[in-house]
Amino acid sequence: MNTHQQQALNTLLSFTKLSRAIACVLVATYVVQLIAPASRQYTALVAGRFIPCAWSVFTAGILETHLLKVIVDVAGILVLAKAIEPLWGSKEFLKFLAAINAATGVCTLVLIYLVFTLTQYSEHSGDVLYREIAGFEGVLAGCLVALKQIMPDNEVVVLKVIRFRVKHLPGLFVLVSIVSSFIFGTKLSTIPFVLFGTYSAWIYLRFLQLKPELSVRGDPHNDEFRFASFFPGFVQPHVDRVADAVGKVLHMPYRSKAPGAESFVPGTTTLPGSDDAEAARRRERGARALEERLGARKAVPAAATAHDLESGIAEESAAEPTTSSS
């Protein structure tokens, strides 16, 4: 194996096992649909054949029919999983991907039925029910939302010229996906998948994701992760008003002006709305707890060393009288 092959292998192995498995699934489903195009009737989302093919709401999200999109999907999941999975763990990351994929499929199916209902008297109304819809865009969109929550202010540099922050990635991805859908002729699948993938990921991370270390669900008090943050700045005040009204109707907290300790994530910046004194107290408590844990770990080896030292001294003391008598 030459140097370039070794470097390529090391690069591949640097990605997580779960992301490599998902990448293999994407490539396999693409190859299968090339060899057997009829298989798309059972794996793609076809609203008119949802019964008995109910599993298609899930399998449609891991099926691609364009080689370029497969390449983008594989590269995307490898890179994004490398940033997200180590922080969440493989189990939580897989659960997140499965939830977003299923939610995207179900919402798209409902949208298709709604479109058919509204246009059923038109000449081509039945076409929408038997259109094959598939794509991995919903999952990628959800991963970008997760990245926005984890590292919103990190900077992304493209070709050493274009610079933007991670928090802008979901919006840019939605825009690029919509434009590309007109190029590939996949408007019916790409646009719903991207929009529903983005929104369902935000719902999951904002209100549903369980955080055992903090004994809370979601991230409802992070002002930088509110729904309006996905829109341009001049639109955000209007989106905030609408979202506040919807939150009150659904009894779901959209924003909080004074978040409590439950929204604090160790290692992050000061909480929005919290004062410096409270933040300093939290840092001191965290440092104290860390010192206590480190002290407890060092106590056992230290005790063993002291015990061995005392035993050695006792043995030397017992040996001295014997030497003197001889």
C-alpha atoms as a PDB file:
ATOM      1  CA  MET A   1       0.000   0.000   0.000  1.00  0.00           C
ATOM      2  CA  ASN A   2       1.512   3.319  -1.088  1.00  0.00           C
ATOM      3  CA  THR A   3       1.485   6.574   0.869  1.00  0.00           C
ATOM      4  CA  HIS A   4      -1.602   8.030  -0.837  1.00  0.00           C
ATOM      5  CA  GLN A   5      -3.631   4.882  -0.240  1.00  0.00           C
ATOM      6  CA  GLN A   6      -2.564   4.836   3.398  1.00  0.00           C
ATOM      7  CA  GLN A   7      -3.580   8.478   3.826  1.00  0.00           C
ATOM      8  CA  ALA A   8      -6.953   7.806   2.188  1.00  0.00           C
ATOM      9  CA  LEU A   9      -7.529   4.828   4.493  1.00  0.00           C
ATOM     10  CA  ASN A  10      -6.574   6.842   7.581  1.00  0.00           C
ATOM     11  CA  THR A  11      -8.934   9.628   6.516  1.00  0.00           C
ATOM     12  CA  LEU A  12     -11.790   7.168   6.059  1.00  0.00           C
ATOM     13  CA  LEU A  13     -11.118   5.537   9.429  1.00  0.00           C
ATOM     14  CA  SER A  14     -11.134   8.950  11.130  1.00  0.00           C
ATOM     15  CA  PHE A  15     -14.891   9.175  10.547  1.00  0.00           C
ATOM     16  CA  THR A  16     -17.282   7.514  12.988  1.00  0.00           C
ATOM     17  CA  LYS A  17     -18.433   3.929  12.465  1.00  0.00           C
ATOM     18  CA  LEU A  18     -22.084   4.982  12.376  1.00  0.00           C
ATOM     19  CA  SER A  19     -21.502   7.585   9.661  1.00  0.00           C
ATOM     20  CA  ARG A  20     -19.529   5.068   7.581  1.00  0.00           C
ATOM     21  CA  ALA A  21     -22.394   2.580   7.920  1.00  0.00           C
ATOM     22  CA  ILE A  22     -24.940   5.202   6.794  1.00  0.00           C
ATOM     23  CA  ALA A  23     -22.708   6.139   3.859  1.00  0.00           C
ATOM     24  CA  CYS A  24     -22.581   2.461   2.808  1.00  0.00           C
ATOM     25  CA  VAL A  25     -26.386   2.261   3.010  1.00  0.00           C
ATOM     26  CA  LEU A  26     -26.747   5.324   0.770  1.00  0.00           C
ATOM     27  CA  VAL A  27     -24.380   3.886  -1.826  1.00  0.00           C
ATOM     28  CA  ALA A  28     -26.060   0.450  -1.650  1.00  0.00           C
ATOM     29  CA  THR A  29     -29.586   1.811  -2.134  1.00  0.00           C
ATOM     30  CA  TYR A  30     -28.377   3.906  -5.086  1.00  0.00           C
ATOM     31  CA  VAL A  31     -26.768   0.868  -6.743  1.00  0.00           C
ATOM     32  CA  VAL A  32     -29.833  -1.315  -6.122  1.00  0.00           C
ATOM     33  CA  GLN A  33     -32.206   1.184  -7.744  1.00  0.00           C
ATOM     34  CA  LEU A  34     -29.834   1.409 -10.728  1.00  0.00           C
ATOM     35  CA  ILE A  35     -29.787  -2.358 -11.177  1.00  0.00           C
ATOM     36  CA  ALA A  36     -33.485  -2.819 -10.413  1.00  0.00           C
ATOM     37  CA  PRO A  37     -35.420   0.411 -11.105  1.00  0.00           C
ATOM     38  CA  ALA A  38     -38.689  -1.328 -10.169  1.00  0.00           C
ATOM     39  CA  SER A  39     -37.467  -1.451  -6.555  1.00  0.00           C
ATOM     40  CA  ARG A  40     -38.188   2.282  -6.260  1.00  0.00           C
ATOM     41  CA  GLN A  41     -41.893   1.447  -6.211  1.00  0.00           C
ATOM     42  CA  TYR A  42     -41.349  -0.115  -2.788  1.00  0.00           C
ATOM     43  CA  THR A  43     -38.572   2.055  -1.321  1.00  0.00           C
ATOM     44  CA  ALA A  44     -39.467   5.547  -2.599  1.00  0.00           C
ATOM     45  CA  LEU A  45     -42.400   7.420  -1.093  1.00  0.00           C
ATOM     46  CA  VAL A  46     -45.401   6.957  -3.408  1.00  0.00           C
ATOM     47  CA  ALA A  47     -48.532   8.353  -1.773  1.00  0.00           C
ATOM     48  CA  GLY A  48     -50.886   6.291  -3.944  1.00  0.00           C
ATOM     49  CA  ARG A  49     -49.167   3.085  -2.793  1.00  0.00           C
ATOM     50  CA  PHE A  50     -48.554   4.022   0.833  1.00  0.00           C
ATOM     51  CA  ILE A  51     -50.764   1.067   1.775  1.00  0.00           C
ATOM     52  CA  PRO A  52     -49.331  -1.558   1.912  1.00  0.00           C
ATOM     53  CA  CYS A  53     -45.851   0.070   1.567  1.00  0.00           C
ATOM     54  CA  ALA A  54     -46.038   2.028   4.822  1.00  0.00           C
ATOM     55  CA  TRP A  55     -42.295   1.577   5.427  1.00  0.00           C
ATOM     56  CA  SER A  56     -41.615   3.925   2.515  1.00  0.00           C
ATOM     57  CA  VAL A  57     -41.965   6.978   4.785  1.00  0.00           C
ATOM     58  CA  PHE A  58     -38.650   5.846   6.280  1.00  0.00           C
ATOM     59  CA  THR A  59     -36.841   4.195   3.347  1.00  0.00           C
ATOM     60  CA  ALA A  60     -37.485   7.188   1.067  1.00  0.00           C
ATOM     61  CA  GLY A  61     -35.133   9.238   3.229  1.00  0.00           C
ATOM     62  CA  ILE A  62     -32.168   6.925   2.587  1.00  0.00           C
ATOM     63  CA  LEU A  63     -32.696   6.534  -1.157  1.00  0.00           C
ATOM     64  CA  GLU A  64     -31.044   8.713  -3.798  1.00  0.00           C
ATOM     65  CA  THR A  65     -31.471   8.436  -7.562  1.00  0.00           C
ATOM     66  CA  HIS A  66     -28.790  10.948  -8.689  1.00  0.00           C
ATOM     67  CA  LEU A  67     -25.062  10.161  -8.434  1.00  0.00           C
ATOM     68  CA  LEU A  68     -24.059  13.745  -7.653  1.00  0.00           C
ATOM     69  CA  LYS A  69     -26.526  13.881  -4.768  1.00  0.00           C
ATOM     70  CA  VAL A  70     -25.177  10.569  -3.435  1.00  0.00           C
ATOM     71  CA  ILE A  71     -21.653  12.036  -3.386  1.00  0.00           C
ATOM     72  CA  VAL A  72     -22.872  15.156  -1.562  1.00  0.00           C
ATOM     73  CA  ASP A  73     -24.902  13.073   0.912  1.00  0.00           C
ATOM     74  CA  VAL A  74     -22.017  10.725   1.732  1.00  0.00           C
ATOM     75  CA  ALA A  75     -19.563  13.582   2.231  1.00  0.00           C
ATOM     76  CA  GLY A  76     -22.123  15.507   4.281  1.00  0.00           C
ATOM     77  CA  ILE A  77     -23.018  12.724   6.717  1.00  0.00           C
ATOM     78  CA  LEU A  78     -19.343  11.784   7.250  1.00  0.00           C
ATOM     79  CA  VAL A  79     -18.313  15.341   8.090  1.00  0.00           C
ATOM     80  CA  LEU A  80     -21.380  16.303  10.141  1.00  0.00           C
ATOM     81  CA  ALA A  81     -21.393  13.079  12.166  1.00  0.00           C
ATOM     82  CA  LYS A  82     -17.738  13.637  13.026  1.00  0.00           C
ATOM     83  CA  ALA A  83     -18.710  16.938  14.673  1.00  0.00           C
ATOM     84  CA  ILE A  84     -21.985  15.859  16.331  1.00  0.00           C
ATOM     85  CA  GLU A  85     -21.723  12.189  17.286  1.00  0.00           C
ATOM     86  CA  PRO A  86     -18.773  12.481  19.747  1.00  0.00           C
ATOM     87  CA  LEU A  87     -20.782  15.026  21.775  1.00  0.00           C
ATOM     88  CA  TRP A  88     -24.076  13.109  21.812  1.00  0.00           C
ATOM     89  CA  GLY A  89     -22.975   9.503  21.572  1.00  0.00           C
ATOM     90  CA  SER A  90     -23.852   7.044  18.802  1.00  0.00           C
ATOM     91  CA  LYS A  91     -27.169   5.979  20.341  1.00  0.00           C
ATOM     92  CA  GLU A  92     -28.584   9.493  20.679  1.00  0.00           C
ATOM     93  CA  PHE A  93     -27.283  10.523  17.259  1.00  0.00           C
ATOM     94  CA  LEU A  94     -28.895   7.489  15.601  1.00  0.00           C
ATOM     95  CA  LYS A  95     -32.157   8.183  17.433  1.00  0.00           C
ATOM     96  CA  PHE A  96     -32.056  11.785  16.209  1.00  0.00           C
ATOM     97  CA  LEU A  97     -31.458  10.735  12.592  1.00  0.00           C
ATOM     98  CA  ALA A  98     -34.243   8.142  12.705  1.00  0.00           C
ATOM     99  CA  ALA A  99     -36.713  10.626  14.235  1.00  0.00           C
ATOM    100  CA  ILE A 100     -35.941  13.339  11.670  1.00  0.00           C
ATOM    101  CA  ASN A 101     -36.100  10.895   8.766  1.00  0.00           C
ATOM    102  CA  ALA A 102     -39.459   9.466   9.839  1.00  0.00           C
ATOM    103  CA  ALA A 103     -40.958  12.887  10.644  1.00  0.00           C
ATOM    104  CA  THR A 104     -39.859  14.221   7.256  1.00  0.00           C
ATOM    105  CA  GLY A 105     -41.450  11.273   5.447  1.00  0.00           C
ATOM    106  CA  VAL A 106     -44.744  11.513   7.327  1.00  0.00           C
ATOM    107  CA  CYS A 107     -45.040  15.295   6.876  1.00  0.00           C
ATOM    108  CA  THR A 108     -44.270  15.004   3.163  1.00  0.00           C
ATOM    109  CA  LEU A 109     -46.926  12.297   2.787  1.00  0.00           C
ATOM    110  CA  VAL A 110     -49.523  14.508   4.485  1.00  0.00           C
ATOM    111  CA  LEU A 111     -48.524  17.413   2.227  1.00  0.00           C
ATOM    112  CA  ILE A 112     -48.998  15.283  -0.898  1.00  0.00           C
ATOM    113  CA  TYR A 113     -52.477  14.226   0.203  1.00  0.00           C
ATOM    114  CA  LEU A 114     -53.303  17.859   0.940  1.00  0.00           C
ATOM    115  CA  VAL A 115     -52.086  18.989  -2.494  1.00  0.00           C
ATOM    116  CA  PHE A 116     -54.118  16.228  -4.131  1.00  0.00           C
ATOM    117  CA  THR A 117     -57.231  17.232  -2.188  1.00  0.00           C
ATOM    118  CA  LEU A 118     -56.900  20.849  -3.255  1.00  0.00           C
ATOM    119  CA  THR A 119     -56.212  20.030  -6.915  1.00  0.00           C
ATOM    120  CA  GLN A 120     -58.254  16.853  -7.386  1.00  0.00           C
ATOM    121  CA  TYR A 121     -60.434  18.419 -10.051  1.00  0.00           C
ATOM    122  CA  SER A 122     -57.505  19.547 -12.195  1.00  0.00           C
ATOM    123  CA  GLU A 123     -56.331  17.584 -15.223  1.00  0.00           C
ATOM    124  CA  HIS A 124     -53.085  16.254 -13.676  1.00  0.00           C
ATOM    125  CA  SER A 125     -54.183  15.953 -10.054  1.00  0.00           C
ATOM    126  CA  GLY A 126     -53.595  12.200  -9.898  1.00  0.00           C
ATOM    127  CA  ASP A 127     -49.945  12.503 -10.963  1.00  0.00           C
ATOM    128  CA  VAL A 128     -48.849  13.758  -7.566  1.00  0.00           C
ATOM    129  CA  LEU A 129     -50.119  10.586  -5.862  1.00  0.00           C
ATOM    130  CA  TYR A 130     -47.897   8.320  -7.945  1.00  0.00           C
ATOM    131  CA  ARG A 131     -44.759  10.418  -8.130  1.00  0.00           C
ATOM    132  CA  GLU A 132     -41.701   8.647  -6.667  1.00  0.00           C
ATOM    133  CA  ILE A 133     -40.258  10.860  -3.931  1.00  0.00           C
ATOM    134  CA  ALA A 134     -36.920  10.175  -2.237  1.00  0.00           C
ATOM    135  CA  GLY A 135     -33.829  11.945  -0.949  1.00  0.00           C
ATOM    136  CA  PHE A 136     -31.437  12.325   1.987  1.00  0.00           C
ATOM    137  CA  GLU A 137     -31.785  16.102   2.153  1.00  0.00           C
ATOM    138  CA  GLY A 138     -34.102  16.018   5.168  1.00  0.00           C
ATOM    139  CA  VAL A 139     -31.531  14.223   7.320  1.00  0.00           C
ATOM    140  CA  LEU A 140     -28.695  16.506   6.205  1.00  0.00           C
ATOM    141  CA  ALA A 141     -30.856  19.550   6.959  1.00  0.00           C
ATOM    142  CA  GLY A 142     -31.545  18.175  10.448  1.00  0.00           C
ATOM    143  CA  CYS A 143     -27.818  17.633  11.077  1.00  0.00           C
ATOM    144  CA  LEU A 144     -27.090  21.238  10.111  1.00  0.00           C
ATOM    145  CA  VAL A 145     -29.700  22.391  12.636  1.00  0.00           C
ATOM    146  CA  ALA A 146     -27.939  20.307  15.297  1.00  0.00           C
ATOM    147  CA  LEU A 147     -24.618  21.879  14.309  1.00  0.00           C
ATOM    148  CA  LYS A 148     -26.184  25.338  14.611  1.00  0.00           C
ATOM    149  CA  GLN A 149     -27.209  24.519  18.179  1.00  0.00           C
ATOM    150  CA  ILE A 150     -23.821  23.069  19.170  1.00  0.00           C
ATOM    151  CA  MET A 151     -21.405  25.601  17.635  1.00  0.00           C
ATOM    152  CA  PRO A 152     -23.383  28.583  16.279  1.00  0.00           C
ATOM    153  CA  ASP A 153     -20.532  31.096  16.214  1.00  0.00           C
ATOM    154  CA  ASN A 154     -17.846  28.897  14.649  1.00  0.00           C
ATOM    155  CA  GLU A 155     -16.648  30.248  11.332  1.00  0.00           C
ATOM    156  CA  VAL A 156     -16.777  28.321   8.053  1.00  0.00           C
ATOM    157  CA  VAL A 157     -14.339  29.270   5.299  1.00  0.00           C
ATOM    158  CA  VAL A 158     -15.008  28.190   1.701  1.00  0.00           C
ATOM    159  CA  LEU A 159     -12.152  28.458  -0.837  1.00  0.00           C
ATOM    160  CA  LYS A 160     -10.369  30.894   1.526  1.00  0.00           C
ATOM    161  CA  VAL A 161     -12.691  33.651   0.315  1.00  0.00           C
ATOM    162  CA  ILE A 162     -16.264  33.049   1.486  1.00  0.00           C
ATOM    163  CA  ARG A 163     -16.726  33.252   5.256  1.00  0.00           C
ATOM    164  CA  PHE A 164     -19.873  32.735   7.299  1.00  0.00           C
ATOM    165  CA  ARG A 165     -20.875  31.341  10.688  1.00  0.00           C
ATOM    166  CA  VAL A 166     -22.252  27.873  11.352  1.00  0.00           C
ATOM    167  CA  LYS A 167     -25.575  29.323  12.521  1.00  0.00           C
ATOM    168  CA  HIS A 168     -26.232  30.423   8.929  1.00  0.00           C
ATOM    169  CA  LEU A 169     -25.680  26.952   7.430  1.00  0.00           C
ATOM    170  CA  PRO A 170     -29.297  25.675   7.726  1.00  0.00           C
ATOM    171  CA  GLY A 171     -30.679  28.694   5.864  1.00  0.00           C
ATOM    172  CA  LEU A 172     -28.010  28.496   3.176  1.00  0.00           C
ATOM    173  CA  PHE A 173     -28.636  24.778   2.739  1.00  0.00           C
ATOM    174  CA  VAL A 174     -32.372  25.361   2.290  1.00  0.00           C
ATOM    175  CA  LEU A 175     -31.666  28.038  -0.331  1.00  0.00           C
ATOM    176  CA  VAL A 176     -29.132  25.933  -2.278  1.00  0.00           C
ATOM    177  CA  SER A 177     -31.378  22.850  -2.121  1.00  0.00           C
ATOM    178  CA  ILE A 178     -34.369  24.731  -3.524  1.00  0.00           C
ATOM    179  CA  VAL A 179     -32.276  26.097  -6.398  1.00  0.00           C
ATOM    180  CA  SER A 180     -30.762  22.658  -7.144  1.00  0.00           C
ATOM    181  CA  SER A 181     -34.218  21.042  -7.086  1.00  0.00           C
ATOM    182  CA  PHE A 182     -35.129  23.019 -10.204  1.00  0.00           C
ATOM    183  CA  ILE A 183     -31.926  21.824 -11.879  1.00  0.00           C
ATOM    184  CA  PHE A 184     -32.468  18.139 -11.064  1.00  0.00           C
ATOM    185  CA  GLY A 185     -36.235  18.298 -11.481  1.00  0.00           C
ATOM    186  CA  THR A 186     -36.853  17.076  -7.909  1.00  0.00           C
ATOM    187  CA  LYS A 187     -38.936  19.966  -6.581  1.00  0.00           C
ATOM    188  CA  LEU A 188     -41.655  17.727  -5.133  1.00  0.00           C
ATOM    189  CA  SER A 189     -39.213  15.757  -2.995  1.00  0.00           C
ATOM    190  CA  THR A 190     -36.340  18.136  -2.282  1.00  0.00           C
ATOM    191  CA  ILE A 191     -38.275  21.193  -1.104  1.00  0.00           C
ATOM    192  CA  PRO A 192     -40.608  19.363   1.338  1.00  0.00           C
ATOM    193  CA  PHE A 193     -37.784  17.141   2.608  1.00  0.00           C
ATOM    194  CA  VAL A 194     -35.463  20.073   3.300  1.00  0.00           C
ATOM    195  CA  LEU A 195     -38.124  22.243   4.940  1.00  0.00           C
ATOM    196  CA  PHE A 196     -39.649  19.455   7.051  1.00  0.00           C
ATOM    197  CA  GLY A 197     -36.201  18.109   7.960  1.00  0.00           C
ATOM    198  CA  THR A 198     -35.123  21.530   9.203  1.00  0.00           C
ATOM    199  CA  TYR A 199     -38.317  22.195  11.145  1.00  0.00           C
ATOM    200  CA  SER A 200     -38.625  18.717  12.703  1.00  0.00           C
ATOM    201  CA  ALA A 201     -34.974  18.874  13.820  1.00  0.00           C
ATOM    202  CA  TRP A 202     -35.617  22.222  15.491  1.00  0.00           C
ATOM    203  CA  ILE A 203     -38.726  20.864  17.253  1.00  0.00           C
ATOM    204  CA  TYR A 204     -36.800  17.807  18.456  1.00  0.00           C
ATOM    205  CA  LEU A 205     -33.791  19.753  19.737  1.00  0.00           C
ATOM    206  CA  ARG A 206     -35.796  22.666  21.128  1.00  0.00           C
ATOM    207  CA  PHE A 207     -38.428  20.696  23.071  1.00  0.00           C
ATOM    208  CA  LEU A 208     -37.959  16.914  22.973  1.00  0.00           C
ATOM    209  CA  GLN A 209     -34.320  15.846  23.213  1.00  0.00           C
ATOM    210  CA  LEU A 210     -33.635  14.324  26.636  1.00  0.00           C
ATOM    211  CA  LYS A 211     -30.486  15.528  28.397  1.00  0.00           C
ATOM    212  CA  PRO A 212     -29.892  13.126  31.305  1.00  0.00           C
ATOM    213  CA  GLU A 213     -26.946  15.099  32.699  1.00  0.00           C
ATOM    214  CA  LEU A 214     -29.212  18.139  33.160  1.00  0.00           C
ATOM    215  CA  SER A 215     -32.508  16.280  33.800  1.00  0.00           C
ATOM    216  CA  VAL A 216     -34.313  18.428  31.223  1.00  0.00           C
ATOM    217  CA  ARG A 217     -35.778  18.064  27.757  1.00  0.00           C
ATOM    218  CA  GLY A 218     -34.761  20.233  24.871  1.00  0.00           C
ATOM    219  CA  ASP A 219     -33.202  23.684  24.849  1.00  0.00           C
ATOM    220  CA  PRO A 220     -36.190  26.042  25.211  1.00  0.00           C
ATOM    221  CA  HIS A 221     -34.330  28.967  26.798  1.00  0.00           C
ATOM    222  CA  ASN A 222     -31.524  29.393  24.260  1.00  0.00           C
ATOM    223  CA  ASP A 223     -32.367  32.709  22.606  1.00  0.00           C
ATOM    224  CA  GLU A 224     -29.872  32.048  19.807  1.00  0.00           C
ATOM    225  CA  PHE A 225     -31.776  28.871  18.893  1.00  0.00           C
ATOM    226  CA  ARG A 226     -35.288  30.277  18.706  1.00  0.00           C
ATOM    227  CA  PHE A 227     -37.237  29.723  15.487  1.00  0.00           C
ATOM    228  CA  ALA A 228     -36.737  33.299  14.277  1.00  0.00           C
ATOM    229  CA  SER A 229     -32.947  32.791  14.291  1.00  0.00           C
ATOM    230  CA  PHE A 230     -33.321  30.769  11.060  1.00  0.00           C
ATOM    231  CA  PHE A 231     -34.521  33.885   9.222  1.00  0.00           C
ATOM    232  CA  PRO A 232     -32.726  37.081   8.137  1.00  0.00           C
ATOM    233  CA  GLY A 233     -32.413  39.736  10.825  1.00  0.00           C
ATOM    234  CA  PHE A 234     -34.986  42.160   9.388  1.00  0.00           C
ATOM    235  CA  VAL A 235     -37.656  39.412   9.432  1.00  0.00           C
ATOM    236  CA  GLN A 236     -36.928  38.050  12.908  1.00  0.00           C
ATOM    237  CA  PRO A 237     -39.120  40.479  14.931  1.00  0.00           C
ATOM    238  CA  HIS A 238     -42.174  39.520  12.864  1.00  0.00           C
ATOM    239  CA  VAL A 239     -41.405  35.796  13.144  1.00  0.00           C
ATOM    240  CA  ASP A 240     -40.952  36.204  16.904  1.00  0.00           C
ATOM    241  CA  ARG A 241     -44.430  37.683  17.264  1.00  0.00           C
ATOM    242  CA  VAL A 242     -46.035  34.853  15.293  1.00  0.00           C
ATOM    243  CA  ALA A 243     -44.020  32.187  17.116  1.00  0.00           C
ATOM    244  CA  ASP A 244     -44.883  33.694  20.519  1.00  0.00           C
ATOM    245  CA  ALA A 245     -48.589  33.549  19.658  1.00  0.00           C
ATOM    246  CA  VAL A 246     -48.339  29.927  18.472  1.00  0.00           C
ATOM    247  CA  GLY A 247     -46.347  28.999  21.581  1.00  0.00           C
ATOM    248  CA  LYS A 248     -49.047  30.399  23.847  1.00  0.00           C
ATOM    249  CA  VAL A 249     -51.765  28.479  22.018  1.00  0.00           C
ATOM    250  CA  LEU A 250     -49.816  25.217  22.230  1.00  0.00           C
ATOM    251  CA  HIS A 251     -48.594  25.941  25.796  1.00  0.00           C
ATOM    252  CA  MET A 252     -44.994  25.550  24.626  1.00  0.00           C
ATOM    253  CA  PRO A 253     -42.402  28.109  25.813  1.00  0.00           C
ATOM    254  CA  TYR A 254     -41.002  29.867  22.757  1.00  0.00           C
ATOM    255  CA  ARG A 255     -38.583  32.141  24.617  1.00  0.00           C
ATOM    256  CA  SER A 256     -37.586  32.904  28.180  1.00  0.00           C
ATOM    257  CA  LYS A 257     -36.179  36.246  29.309  1.00  0.00           C
ATOM    258  CA  ALA A 258     -34.610  34.800  32.441  1.00  0.00           C
ATOM    259  CA  PRO A 259     -33.584  31.215  31.850  1.00  0.00           C
ATOM    260  CA  GLY A 260     -32.724  29.087  34.821  1.00  0.00           C
ATOM    261  CA  ALA A 261     -29.834  26.775  35.432  1.00  0.00           C
ATOM    262  CA  GLU A 262     -31.500  24.030  33.441  1.00  0.00           C
ATOM    263  CA  SER A 263     -30.514  25.740  30.199  1.00  0.00           C
ATOM    264  CA  PHE A 264     -26.840  25.971  31.191  1.00  0.00           C
ATOM    265  CA  VAL A 265     -24.445  23.727  29.323  1.00  0.00           C
ATOM    266  CA  PRO A 266     -20.992  23.351  30.923  1.00  0.00           C
ATOM    267  CA  GLY A 267     -18.229  24.896  28.883  1.00  0.00           C
ATOM    268  CA  THR A 268     -20.447  27.332  26.998  1.00  0.00           C
ATOM    269  CA  THR A 269     -20.633  31.095  27.266  1.00  0.00           C
ATOM    270  CA  THR A 270     -22.639  33.006  29.843  1.00  0.00           C
ATOM    271  CA  LEU A 271     -26.349  32.380  29.798  1.00  0.00           C
ATOM    272  CA  PRO A 272     -28.510  34.934  28.010  1.00  0.00           C
ATOM    273  CA  GLY A 273     -30.180  37.091  30.623  1.00  0.00           C
ATOM    274  CA  SER A 274     -28.013  35.901  33.528  1.00  0.00           C
ATOM    275  CA  ASP A 275     -25.678  38.206  35.443  1.00  0.00           C
ATOM    276  CA  ASP A 276     -21.928  37.813  35.853  1.00  0.00           C
ATOM    277  CA  ALA A 277     -22.146  36.993  39.568  1.00  0.00           C
ATOM    278  CA  GLU A 278     -24.435  34.009  38.989  1.00  0.00           C
ATOM    279  CA  ALA A 279     -22.249  32.803  36.124  1.00  0.00           C
ATOM    280  CA  ALA A 280     -19.159  33.090  38.340  1.00  0.00           C
ATOM    281  CA  ARG A 281     -20.862  31.069  41.098  1.00  0.00           C
ATOM    282  CA  ARG A 282     -21.714  28.345  38.599  1.00  0.00           C
ATOM    283  CA  ARG A 283     -18.129  28.241  37.360  1.00  0.00           C
ATOM    284  CA  GLU A 284     -16.824  27.999  40.926  1.00  0.00           C
ATOM    285  CA  ARG A 285     -19.216  25.148  41.748  1.00  0.00           C
ATOM    286  CA  GLY A 286     -18.163  23.335  38.581  1.00  0.00           C
ATOM    287  CA  ALA A 287     -14.462  23.812  39.350  1.00  0.00           C
ATOM    288  CA  ARG A 288     -14.988  22.603  42.928  1.00  0.00           C
ATOM    289  CA  ALA A 289     -16.823  19.499  41.748  1.00  0.00           C
ATOM    290  CA  LEU A 290     -14.058  18.758  39.242  1.00  0.00           C
ATOM    291  CA  GLU A 291     -11.366  19.133  41.909  1.00  0.00           C
ATOM    292  CA  GLU A 292     -13.269  16.808  44.236  1.00  0.00           C
ATOM    293  CA  ARG A 293     -13.559  14.150  41.527  1.00  0.00           C
ATOM    294  CA  LEU A 294      -9.852  14.421  40.690  1.00  0.00           C
ATOM    295  CA  GLY A 295      -8.994  14.300  44.382  1.00  0.00           C
ATOM    296  CA  ALA A 296     -11.069  11.170  44.858  1.00  0.00           C
ATOM    297  CA  ARG A 297      -9.281   9.470  41.975  1.00  0.00           C
ATOM    298  CA  LYS A 298      -5.859  10.358  43.402  1.00  0.00           C
ATOM    299  CA  ALA A 299      -6.776   9.288  46.919  1.00  0.00           C
ATOM    300  CA  VAL A 300      -6.708   5.553  46.203  1.00  0.00           C
ATOM    301  CA  PRO A 301      -3.210   5.430  44.637  1.00  0.00           C
ATOM    302  CA  ALA A 302      -1.895   7.789  47.325  1.00  0.00           C
ATOM    303  CA  ALA A 303      -3.256   5.590  50.114  1.00  0.00           C
ATOM    304  CA  ALA A 304      -1.726   2.508  48.521  1.00  0.00           C
ATOM    305  CA  THR A 305       1.658   4.240  48.228  1.00  0.00           C
ATOM    306  CA  ALA A 306       1.557   5.331  51.868  1.00  0.00           C
ATOM    307  CA  HIS A 307       0.678   1.803  52.958  1.00  0.00           C
ATOM    308  CA  ASP A 308       3.595   0.333  50.968  1.00  0.00           C
ATOM    309  CA  LEU A 309       5.974   2.915  52.453  1.00  0.00           C
ATOM    310  CA  GLU A 310       4.887   2.121  56.004  1.00  0.00           C
ATOM    311  CA  SER A 311       5.301  -1.606  55.337  1.00  0.00           C
ATOM    312  CA  GLY A 312       8.837  -1.043  54.017  1.00  0.00           C
ATOM    313  CA  ILE A 313       9.831   1.000  57.073  1.00  0.00           C
ATOM    314  CA  ALA A 314       8.443  -1.674  59.388  1.00  0.00           C
ATOM    315  CA  GLU A 315      10.394  -4.384  57.573  1.00  0.00           C
ATOM    316  CA  GLU A 316      13.630  -2.382  57.794  1.00  0.00           C
ATOM    317  CA  SER A 317      13.082  -1.758  61.529  1.00  0.00           C
ATOM    318  CA  ALA A 318      12.535  -5.465  62.138  1.00  0.00           C
ATOM    319  CA  ALA A 319      15.684  -6.332  60.206  1.00  0.00           C
ATOM    320  CA  GLU A 320      18.000  -3.980  62.164  1.00  0.00           C
ATOM    321  CA  PRO A 321      17.971  -5.943  65.514  1.00  0.00           C
ATOM    322  CA  THR A 322      18.750  -9.138  63.672  1.00  0.00           C
ATOM    323  CA  THR A 323      21.765  -7.554  61.989  1.00  0.00           C
ATOM    324  CA  SER A 324      23.052  -6.088  65.299  1.00  0.00           C
ATOM    325  CA  SER A 325      22.818  -9.408  67.145  1.00  0.00           C
ATOM    326  CA  SER A 326      24.792 -11.202  64.461  1.00  0.00           C
END
